[in-house]
């Protein structure tokens, strides 16, 4: 698509509420069962978009940002009371309705040989030290005592080519990243290739992941742990092999509950003049002719996009070290709203991308700044401008977003070391990065 073609593209409806309606789609927002008593002053159709709009803004309270959207006043205390009474099922249902694949064949970086690239990974958000949280959530132990903040574990199934979330699970009850990841397997889209790191690289996780892939016609590519034993069945011409692995019950390693067969790829990855390390991958793509080993080994590096997605959420979107909510439940609501905002911004980046500018080359920070300005303008001053002027403003904003293109990613890596080692990693005394092309050699 040429630049002139992108200029002729029909502009999208302006304003945050229009973008929200596009995100939710025809399903609309969830509804609460009817009950006796006074009807809430703020319906869910207003409350949920207001909360989502709030987490992407800078200074200001939820009441301030609600007024920007709807022109109505509501005290902060009323907002706090309403949020604490909302059941989590409303937000879980909202995530199911709003999050879905958005990459098309136009976004070539979102696919590999026709397979949609998705990744599974988790992170932790810090909670504030309020009495409600410290009384209900236990802080993790460290070498120097308890951690400074309690954590809320979150797992996201991500469309890596757009940084678009497909599903999210939040550990409100202290669930582990492993348990949350198992919940997300049911949201795997059709014809996808699932990427996962070493946390999931054992038979106990790969077995249910394979079952989930088979149900929707998808495949997986997961980095396996080095200590897992396997029996070689067949060796392929490209150096990969078909292996047989026993499935052991999690927490009971001596209890075998089944077996599975996957294709294993072992490669040496390194740079000239540097020590190489071994990468062990398992995949359900068994044909080396349609899925060459070296291509899969290089493709696994795309999983790092998930780490960059979490950086966008934590450092660029919210810009706070801790969540602003005062309870675990409202903290989970805040994270859900952040995930929804990231889906909105992924849609905007995909819309302004061109054949020459992939979506991830469009700066996340600049897109956020532009849409914040436009959505504030259309919310407060929309009645002062004509439809033609709105279209011109949207076109100007899209042109501005396309100007903020980040440089191509450098092929570099940083050392695996820590400043104060507690394991076998060497101590990090001086920061450095290693550049240059990676070399893969199948073992």
Protein backbone atom coordinates (compact mmCIF):
# COMPACT_ATOMS: atom_id res chain seq x y z
CA UNK A 1 0.00 0.00 0.00
CA UNK A 2 1.44 3.34 -1.04
CA UNK A 3 1.38 6.54 0.98
CA UNK A 4 -1.28 8.01 -1.31
CA UNK A 5 -3.46 4.95 -0.73
CA UNK A 6 -3.21 5.37 3.01
CA UNK A 7 -4.25 8.99 2.66
CA UNK A 8 -7.43 7.98 0.82
CA UNK A 9 -8.43 5.45 3.48
CA UNK A 10 -11.71 6.32 5.17
CA UNK A 11 -11.02 7.89 8.56
CA UNK A 12 -12.26 6.12 11.64
CA UNK A 13 -14.93 7.68 13.87
CA UNK A 14 -13.38 10.25 16.23
CA UNK A 15 -13.52 10.23 20.01
CA UNK A 16 -12.86 7.71 22.73
CA UNK A 17 -16.47 6.51 23.00
CA UNK A 18 -16.56 5.73 19.27
CA UNK A 19 -13.30 3.77 19.63
CA UNK A 20 -14.77 2.00 22.67
CA UNK A 21 -17.89 0.95 20.74
CA UNK A 22 -15.66 -0.34 17.92
CA UNK A 23 -13.61 -2.34 20.45
CA UNK A 24 -16.61 -3.91 22.20
CA UNK A 25 -18.48 -4.62 18.98
CA UNK A 26 -22.05 -5.76 18.64
CA UNK A 27 -21.92 -7.77 21.89
CA UNK A 28 -21.92 -4.58 23.95
CA UNK A 29 -20.98 -4.37 27.63
CA UNK A 30 -22.06 -7.03 30.15
CA UNK A 31 -25.10 -6.44 32.31
CA UNK A 32 -25.77 -7.02 35.99
CA UNK A 33 -28.80 -9.03 37.12
CA UNK A 34 -31.69 -6.83 38.15
CA UNK A 35 -32.11 -6.34 41.85
CA UNK A 36 -34.26 -4.39 44.23
CA UNK A 37 -33.34 -0.93 45.37
CA UNK A 38 -32.33 2.31 43.76
CA UNK A 39 -31.01 2.22 40.21
CA UNK A 40 -27.28 3.12 40.15
CA UNK A 41 -26.65 6.67 39.10
CA UNK A 42 -23.90 5.58 36.68
CA UNK A 43 -24.88 2.60 34.49
CA UNK A 44 -22.31 0.01 33.43
CA UNK A 45 -22.45 1.35 29.88
CA UNK A 46 -20.86 4.55 31.25
CA UNK A 47 -18.82 3.18 34.15
CA UNK A 48 -16.74 0.66 32.19
CA UNK A 49 -15.59 3.03 29.44
CA UNK A 50 -14.92 5.75 32.04
CA UNK A 51 -12.62 3.44 34.01
CA UNK A 52 -10.80 2.42 30.83
CA UNK A 53 -10.45 6.05 29.76
CA UNK A 54 -9.14 6.92 33.23
CA UNK A 55 -6.16 4.52 33.22
CA UNK A 56 -4.74 5.99 30.01
CA UNK A 57 -4.84 9.58 31.27
CA UNK A 58 -2.23 11.48 33.24
CA UNK A 59 -3.19 13.70 36.16
CA UNK A 60 -6.76 13.64 37.42
CA UNK A 61 -9.17 11.41 39.27
CA UNK A 62 -11.72 9.00 37.90
CA UNK A 63 -14.41 11.60 38.63
CA UNK A 64 -12.48 14.17 36.54
CA UNK A 65 -12.17 11.87 33.57
CA UNK A 66 -15.81 10.77 33.84
CA UNK A 67 -16.79 14.42 33.52
CA UNK A 68 -14.58 14.77 30.43
CA UNK A 69 -16.44 11.90 28.77
CA UNK A 70 -20.04 12.50 29.82
CA UNK A 71 -20.18 16.03 31.27
CA UNK A 72 -21.59 14.80 34.59
CA UNK A 73 -20.17 15.15 38.11
CA UNK A 74 -19.79 12.33 40.58
CA UNK A 75 -17.86 12.41 43.86
CA UNK A 76 -14.72 10.29 44.25
CA UNK A 77 -16.25 8.53 47.25
CA UNK A 78 -19.21 7.45 45.12
CA UNK A 79 -16.85 6.02 42.52
CA UNK A 80 -14.92 4.07 45.16
CA UNK A 81 -18.11 2.59 46.62
CA UNK A 82 -19.45 1.60 43.20
CA UNK A 83 -16.24 -0.09 42.11
CA UNK A 84 -15.90 -2.15 45.29
CA UNK A 85 -19.42 -3.53 44.76
CA UNK A 86 -18.83 -4.60 41.16
CA UNK A 87 -18.37 -8.39 40.76
CA UNK A 88 -15.25 -9.49 38.93
CA UNK A 89 -17.36 -11.52 36.51
CA UNK A 90 -18.35 -8.26 34.82
CA UNK A 91 -14.74 -7.51 33.91
CA UNK A 92 -13.96 -11.12 32.94
CA UNK A 93 -16.96 -11.05 30.59
CA UNK A 94 -15.90 -7.67 29.23
CA UNK A 95 -12.42 -8.98 28.39
CA UNK A 96 -13.94 -11.96 26.59
CA UNK A 97 -16.17 -9.70 24.50
CA UNK A 98 -13.57 -7.07 23.63
CA UNK A 99 -10.34 -9.04 23.05
CA UNK A 100 -10.02 -10.82 19.71
CA UNK A 101 -7.49 -11.21 16.85
CA UNK A 102 -7.09 -8.04 14.78
CA UNK A 103 -4.16 -8.72 12.46
CA UNK A 104 -5.02 -9.20 8.78
CA UNK A 105 -2.95 -10.47 5.88
CA UNK A 106 -1.93 -6.84 5.36
CA UNK A 107 0.13 -7.12 8.57
CA UNK A 108 2.74 -9.54 7.28
CA UNK A 109 4.85 -9.42 10.47
CA UNK A 110 1.93 -10.85 12.45
CA UNK A 111 2.11 -14.19 10.59
CA UNK A 112 4.63 -16.86 9.73
CA UNK A 113 3.83 -19.11 6.75
CA UNK A 114 0.14 -18.41 7.29
CA UNK A 115 0.19 -19.05 11.05
CA UNK A 116 -0.84 -16.22 13.35
CA UNK A 117 1.95 -15.58 15.87
CA UNK A 118 0.75 -15.47 19.48
CA UNK A 119 2.70 -15.63 22.74
CA UNK A 120 1.92 -16.53 26.32
CA UNK A 121 3.69 -14.88 29.25
CA UNK A 122 3.05 -13.38 32.66
CA UNK A 123 4.12 -10.45 34.79
CA UNK A 124 3.43 -8.94 38.22
CA UNK A 125 2.00 -5.56 39.18
CA UNK A 126 2.79 -3.96 42.54
CA UNK A 127 -0.10 -3.08 44.84
CA UNK A 128 -0.14 -0.09 47.16
CA UNK A 129 0.40 -0.64 50.89
CA UNK A 130 -3.15 0.12 51.97
CA UNK A 131 -4.67 -1.50 55.10
CA UNK A 132 -7.11 -3.45 52.91
CA UNK A 133 -4.28 -4.98 50.88
CA UNK A 134 -1.73 -5.61 53.64
CA UNK A 135 -4.42 -7.38 55.66
CA UNK A 136 -5.36 -9.79 52.86
CA UNK A 137 -2.27 -10.28 50.67
CA UNK A 138 1.01 -11.74 51.91
CA UNK A 139 4.17 -10.14 50.55
CA UNK A 140 6.83 -12.36 49.04
CA UNK A 141 9.93 -13.24 51.05
CA UNK A 142 13.31 -11.86 49.99
CA UNK A 143 16.85 -12.18 51.34
CA UNK A 144 16.29 -8.98 53.30
CA UNK A 145 12.84 -9.75 54.64
CA UNK A 146 9.48 -9.15 53.05
CA UNK A 147 9.12 -7.44 49.69
CA UNK A 148 8.20 -3.76 49.65
CA UNK A 149 4.88 -4.36 47.86
CA UNK A 150 2.41 -7.18 47.42
CA UNK A 151 2.10 -8.42 43.84
CA UNK A 152 -0.80 -9.20 41.53
CA UNK A 153 0.15 -11.79 38.91
CA UNK A 154 -1.24 -11.31 35.41
CA UNK A 155 -0.99 -13.46 32.30
CA UNK A 156 -1.78 -12.27 28.79
CA UNK A 157 -2.20 -14.17 25.54
CA UNK A 158 -0.75 -11.75 22.99
CA UNK A 159 -0.91 -11.30 19.23
CA UNK A 160 2.77 -10.44 18.90
CA UNK A 161 2.63 -8.74 15.50
CA UNK A 162 0.36 -5.98 16.83
CA UNK A 163 0.95 -6.15 20.61
CA UNK A 164 -2.77 -6.90 20.72
CA UNK A 165 -4.08 -8.83 23.77
CA UNK A 166 -6.30 -11.81 22.93
CA UNK A 167 -7.12 -12.80 26.51
CA UNK A 168 -6.00 -11.97 30.05
CA UNK A 169 -6.12 -13.76 33.39
CA UNK A 170 -5.49 -11.94 36.68
CA UNK A 171 -4.57 -13.80 39.88
CA UNK A 172 -6.97 -12.16 42.32
CA UNK A 173 -6.78 -15.22 44.56
CA UNK A 174 -2.99 -15.54 44.49
CA UNK A 175 -2.92 -17.91 41.50
CA UNK A 176 0.48 -18.63 39.99
CA UNK A 177 1.54 -17.66 36.48
CA UNK A 178 1.39 -21.35 35.56
CA UNK A 179 -2.25 -21.69 36.69
CA UNK A 180 -3.25 -18.50 34.88
CA UNK A 181 -1.54 -19.70 31.69
CA UNK A 182 -3.58 -22.91 31.74
CA UNK A 183 -6.76 -20.79 31.89
CA UNK A 184 -5.73 -18.87 28.77
CA UNK A 185 -5.20 -21.97 26.63
CA UNK A 186 -8.96 -22.07 26.01
CA UNK A 187 -8.69 -18.68 24.25
CA UNK A 188 -6.14 -19.80 21.65
CA UNK A 189 -7.31 -18.63 18.18
CA UNK A 190 -7.52 -20.77 15.07
CA UNK A 191 -4.44 -21.34 12.90
CA UNK A 192 -2.06 -19.83 15.41
CA UNK A 193 1.50 -20.64 16.42
CA UNK A 194 1.87 -20.33 20.20
CA UNK A 195 5.25 -19.19 21.55
CA UNK A 196 6.24 -19.82 25.18
CA UNK A 197 9.33 -19.57 27.37
CA UNK A 198 10.99 -22.14 29.66
CA UNK A 199 8.38 -21.83 32.42
CA UNK A 200 6.06 -23.78 30.13
CA UNK A 201 8.77 -26.03 28.69
CA UNK A 202 7.83 -29.31 30.34
CA UNK A 203 5.44 -32.11 29.47
CA UNK A 204 2.98 -31.19 32.25
CA UNK A 205 2.19 -27.94 30.42
CA UNK A 206 2.83 -28.98 26.83
CA UNK A 207 0.27 -31.83 27.08
CA UNK A 208 -2.75 -29.55 27.77
CA UNK A 209 -1.32 -26.97 25.35
CA UNK A 210 -1.20 -29.59 22.59
CA UNK A 211 -4.80 -30.56 23.33
CA UNK A 212 -5.85 -26.90 23.11
CA UNK A 213 -4.00 -26.51 19.81
CA UNK A 214 -5.61 -29.59 18.31
CA UNK A 215 -9.10 -28.28 19.14
CA UNK A 216 -8.63 -25.13 17.03
CA UNK A 217 -6.11 -26.29 14.44
CA UNK A 218 -3.11 -24.45 15.90
CA UNK A 219 0.48 -25.36 16.82
CA UNK A 220 3.04 -24.50 19.48
CA UNK A 221 6.73 -23.61 19.70
CA UNK A 222 7.97 -23.66 23.30
CA UNK A 223 11.44 -23.52 24.79
CA UNK A 224 11.97 -26.73 26.74
CA UNK A 225 13.82 -27.06 30.01
CA UNK A 226 17.22 -28.64 29.80
CA UNK A 227 16.67 -31.22 32.54
CA UNK A 228 13.60 -32.86 30.95
CA UNK A 229 14.50 -36.34 29.69
CA UNK A 230 13.23 -37.63 26.36
CA UNK A 231 13.64 -40.66 24.08
CA UNK A 232 14.52 -40.06 20.42
CA UNK A 233 12.18 -41.78 17.96
CA UNK A 234 13.28 -40.39 14.58
CA UNK A 235 16.01 -38.05 13.36
CA UNK A 236 15.18 -35.68 10.49
CA UNK A 237 17.48 -34.41 7.75
CA UNK A 238 17.55 -30.86 9.15
CA UNK A 239 18.98 -32.07 12.48
CA UNK A 240 15.72 -31.99 14.44
CA UNK A 241 14.23 -35.14 15.91
CA UNK A 242 10.91 -36.65 16.91
CA UNK A 243 10.97 -37.46 20.63
CA UNK A 244 8.82 -39.27 23.18
CA UNK A 245 8.35 -37.56 26.55
CA UNK A 246 6.63 -38.85 29.66
CA UNK A 247 4.03 -36.60 31.24
CA UNK A 248 4.49 -36.40 34.99
CA UNK A 249 2.04 -34.97 37.47
CA UNK A 250 2.97 -31.47 38.55
CA UNK A 251 4.37 -31.58 42.09
CA UNK A 252 4.79 -35.39 41.91
CA UNK A 253 7.67 -36.03 39.50
CA UNK A 254 7.66 -39.79 40.09
CA UNK A 255 4.01 -40.14 39.06
CA UNK A 256 3.69 -40.67 35.28
CA UNK A 257 0.20 -39.85 33.95
CA UNK A 258 0.79 -40.09 30.20
CA UNK A 259 3.13 -39.41 27.31
CA UNK A 260 3.42 -37.23 24.23
CA UNK A 261 5.41 -36.93 21.02
CA UNK A 262 6.85 -33.63 19.83
CA UNK A 263 9.56 -32.49 17.48
CA UNK A 264 12.68 -31.26 19.28
CA UNK A 265 15.13 -28.72 17.86
CA UNK A 266 18.49 -28.13 19.53
CA UNK A 267 20.53 -25.22 18.23
CA UNK A 268 23.66 -23.39 19.29
CA UNK A 269 23.02 -19.65 19.33
CA UNK A 270 25.86 -17.16 19.52
CA UNK A 271 27.65 -14.21 18.01
CA UNK A 272 31.15 -14.00 16.53
CA UNK A 273 33.74 -13.84 19.28
CA UNK A 274 31.24 -14.72 22.02
CA UNK A 275 30.39 -17.95 23.79
CA UNK A 276 27.32 -19.66 22.29
CA UNK A 277 24.53 -21.25 24.30
CA UNK A 278 22.12 -24.04 23.50
CA UNK A 279 18.46 -23.48 22.73
CA UNK A 280 16.12 -26.44 23.14
CA UNK A 281 12.73 -26.07 21.45
CA UNK A 282 9.65 -28.29 21.26
CA UNK A 283 7.08 -27.90 18.50
CA UNK A 284 4.01 -29.67 17.22
CA UNK A 285 5.04 -28.80 13.63
CA UNK A 286 6.43 -32.21 12.76
CA UNK A 287 7.27 -31.78 9.05
CA UNK A 288 10.77 -30.31 8.58
CA UNK A 289 9.98 -29.46 4.96
CA UNK A 290 7.20 -26.98 5.87
CA UNK A 291 8.78 -25.89 9.15
CA UNK A 292 12.60 -25.91 8.87
CA UNK A 293 14.48 -26.12 12.15
CA UNK A 294 16.58 -22.99 11.63
CA UNK A 295 13.52 -20.92 10.73
CA UNK A 296 11.74 -22.00 13.92
CA UNK A 297 14.82 -21.28 16.02
CA UNK A 298 15.03 -17.74 14.64
CA UNK A 299 11.25 -17.33 14.95
CA UNK A 300 11.32 -18.10 18.67
CA UNK A 301 13.05 -14.75 19.25
CA UNK A 302 9.72 -13.06 18.40
CA UNK A 303 8.52 -14.13 21.85
CA UNK A 304 10.47 -11.16 23.20
CA UNK A 305 7.69 -8.91 21.86
CA UNK A 306 5.69 -9.98 24.88
CA UNK A 307 8.26 -8.43 27.21
CA UNK A 308 8.10 -5.20 25.21
CA UNK A 309 4.31 -5.25 25.49
CA UNK A 310 4.54 -5.34 29.29
CA UNK A 311 7.03 -2.48 29.18
CA UNK A 312 4.49 -0.43 27.23
CA UNK A 313 1.85 -1.13 29.86
CA UNK A 314 4.01 -0.37 32.89
CA UNK A 315 6.36 2.39 31.76
CA UNK A 316 4.47 4.24 29.03
CA UNK A 317 0.76 3.74 29.63
CA UNK A 318 0.36 4.04 33.41
CA UNK A 319 3.76 5.54 34.34
CA UNK A 320 3.46 4.57 38.01
CA UNK A 321 5.47 2.08 40.03
CA UNK A 322 2.37 0.75 41.79
CA UNK A 323 -1.31 0.40 40.95
CA UNK A 324 -3.49 3.26 42.16
CA UNK A 325 -6.29 1.05 43.49
CA UNK A 326 -6.69 0.41 47.22
CA UNK A 327 -7.98 -3.18 47.17
CA UNK A 328 -7.09 -6.37 45.32
CA UNK A 329 -10.42 -6.37 43.47
CA UNK A 330 -10.13 -2.78 42.25
CA UNK A 331 -6.47 -3.44 41.41
CA UNK A 332 -7.61 -6.29 39.15
CA UNK A 333 -10.13 -3.89 37.59
CA UNK A 334 -7.33 -1.41 36.91
CA UNK A 335 -5.21 -4.06 35.20
CA UNK A 336 -8.20 -5.18 33.10
CA UNK A 337 -8.71 -1.56 32.02
CA UNK A 338 -5.03 -1.29 31.06
CA UNK A 339 -5.32 -4.41 28.91
CA UNK A 340 -8.38 -2.94 27.20
CA UNK A 341 -6.52 0.31 26.53
CA UNK A 342 -3.64 -1.65 24.99
CA UNK A 343 -6.16 -3.32 22.66
CA UNK A 344 -7.48 0.12 21.66
CA UNK A 345 -3.97 1.40 20.93
CA UNK A 346 -3.07 -1.77 19.02
CA UNK A 347 -6.07 -1.11 16.79
CA UNK A 348 -4.90 2.47 16.19
CA UNK A 349 -1.35 1.37 15.34
CA UNK A 350 -2.65 -1.29 12.95
CA UNK A 351 -4.93 1.26 11.26
CA UNK A 352 -2.17 3.76 10.50
CA UNK A 353 0.41 1.12 9.48
CA UNK A 354 1.33 0.73 5.82
CA UNK A 355 3.18 -1.81 3.71
CA UNK A 356 6.40 0.10 4.40
CA UNK A 357 5.65 0.82 8.10
CA UNK A 358 4.70 -2.26 10.18
CA UNK A 359 2.43 -1.60 13.19
CA UNK A 360 5.20 -2.12 15.75
CA UNK A 361 7.39 0.47 14.02
CA UNK A 362 4.73 3.10 14.81
CA UNK A 363 5.80 4.58 18.15
CA UNK A 364 3.55 3.44 21.01
CA UNK A 365 4.33 6.56 23.04
CA UNK A 366 3.48 8.94 20.21
CA UNK A 367 0.29 7.10 19.31
CA UNK A 368 -0.75 7.36 22.95
CA UNK A 369 -0.04 11.09 23.01
CA UNK A 370 -1.91 11.76 19.77
CA UNK A 371 -5.03 9.79 20.67
CA UNK A 372 -5.10 11.29 24.16
CA UNK A 373 -5.15 14.75 22.62
CA UNK A 374 -7.75 13.89 19.98
CA UNK A 375 -10.05 12.00 22.35
CA UNK A 376 -9.96 14.82 24.90
CA UNK A 377 -10.72 17.35 22.16
CA UNK A 378 -13.62 15.35 20.72
CA UNK A 379 -15.04 14.73 24.18
CA UNK A 380 -15.12 18.34 25.37
CA UNK A 381 -15.30 20.38 22.15
CA UNK A 382 -17.04 17.96 19.77
CA UNK A 383 -20.20 20.07 19.52
CA UNK A 384 -18.18 23.09 18.34
CA UNK A 385 -16.85 21.61 15.10
CA UNK A 386 -18.44 20.21 11.96
CA UNK A 387 -18.23 16.63 10.70
CA UNK A 388 -15.91 17.75 7.91
CA UNK A 389 -13.56 19.34 10.44
CA UNK A 390 -13.62 16.17 12.52
CA UNK A 391 -12.55 14.14 9.48
CA UNK A 392 -9.74 16.58 8.81
CA UNK A 393 -8.54 16.39 12.41
CA UNK A 394 -8.54 12.59 12.34
CA UNK A 395 -6.62 12.52 9.05
CA UNK A 396 -4.10 14.98 10.41
CA UNK A 397 -3.69 12.86 13.54
CA UNK A 398 -3.12 9.69 11.51
CA UNK A 399 -0.53 11.45 9.37
CA UNK A 400 1.18 12.61 12.55
CA UNK A 401 1.27 9.07 13.95
CA UNK A 402 2.92 7.77 10.77
CA UNK A 403 5.71 10.30 11.13
CA UNK A 404 6.79 8.85 14.48
CA UNK A 405 8.45 5.67 13.25
CA UNK A 406 10.97 3.92 15.47
CA UNK A 407 14.26 2.61 14.12
CA UNK A 408 14.56 -1.01 13.08
CA UNK A 409 15.36 -3.32 15.97
CA UNK A 410 19.05 -3.97 16.46
CA UNK A 411 20.22 -7.55 16.65
CA UNK A 412 21.65 -7.45 20.13
CA UNK A 413 21.50 -9.24 23.45
CA UNK A 414 22.52 -8.48 27.01
CA UNK A 415 24.40 -10.76 29.42
CA UNK A 416 22.49 -13.08 31.74
CA UNK A 417 23.87 -11.81 35.03
CA UNK A 418 22.69 -10.13 38.23
CA UNK A 419 24.22 -7.37 40.32
CA UNK A 420 24.01 -9.39 43.55
CA UNK A 421 23.97 -13.05 42.54
CA UNK A 422 21.89 -15.53 44.50
CA UNK A 423 22.33 -18.38 42.02
CA UNK A 424 24.99 -19.46 39.58
CA UNK A 425 24.74 -16.36 37.38
CA UNK A 426 27.94 -14.28 37.32
CA UNK A 427 27.85 -10.95 39.11
CA UNK A 428 27.07 -7.98 36.86
CA UNK A 429 29.72 -5.28 37.42
CA UNK A 430 29.37 -3.30 34.19
CA UNK A 431 26.39 -2.96 31.85
CA UNK A 432 27.07 -3.96 28.27
CA UNK A 433 25.19 -5.16 25.22
CA UNK A 434 26.30 -7.39 22.38
CA UNK A 435 25.42 -6.50 18.80
CA UNK A 436 25.72 -8.31 15.50
CA UNK A 437 23.79 -11.05 13.69
CA UNK A 438 22.90 -14.23 15.55
CA UNK A 439 24.23 -17.54 14.24
CA UNK A 440 22.16 -20.73 14.61
CA UNK A 441 23.60 -24.23 14.34
CA UNK A 442 21.38 -27.28 14.73
CA UNK A 443 22.95 -29.84 17.04
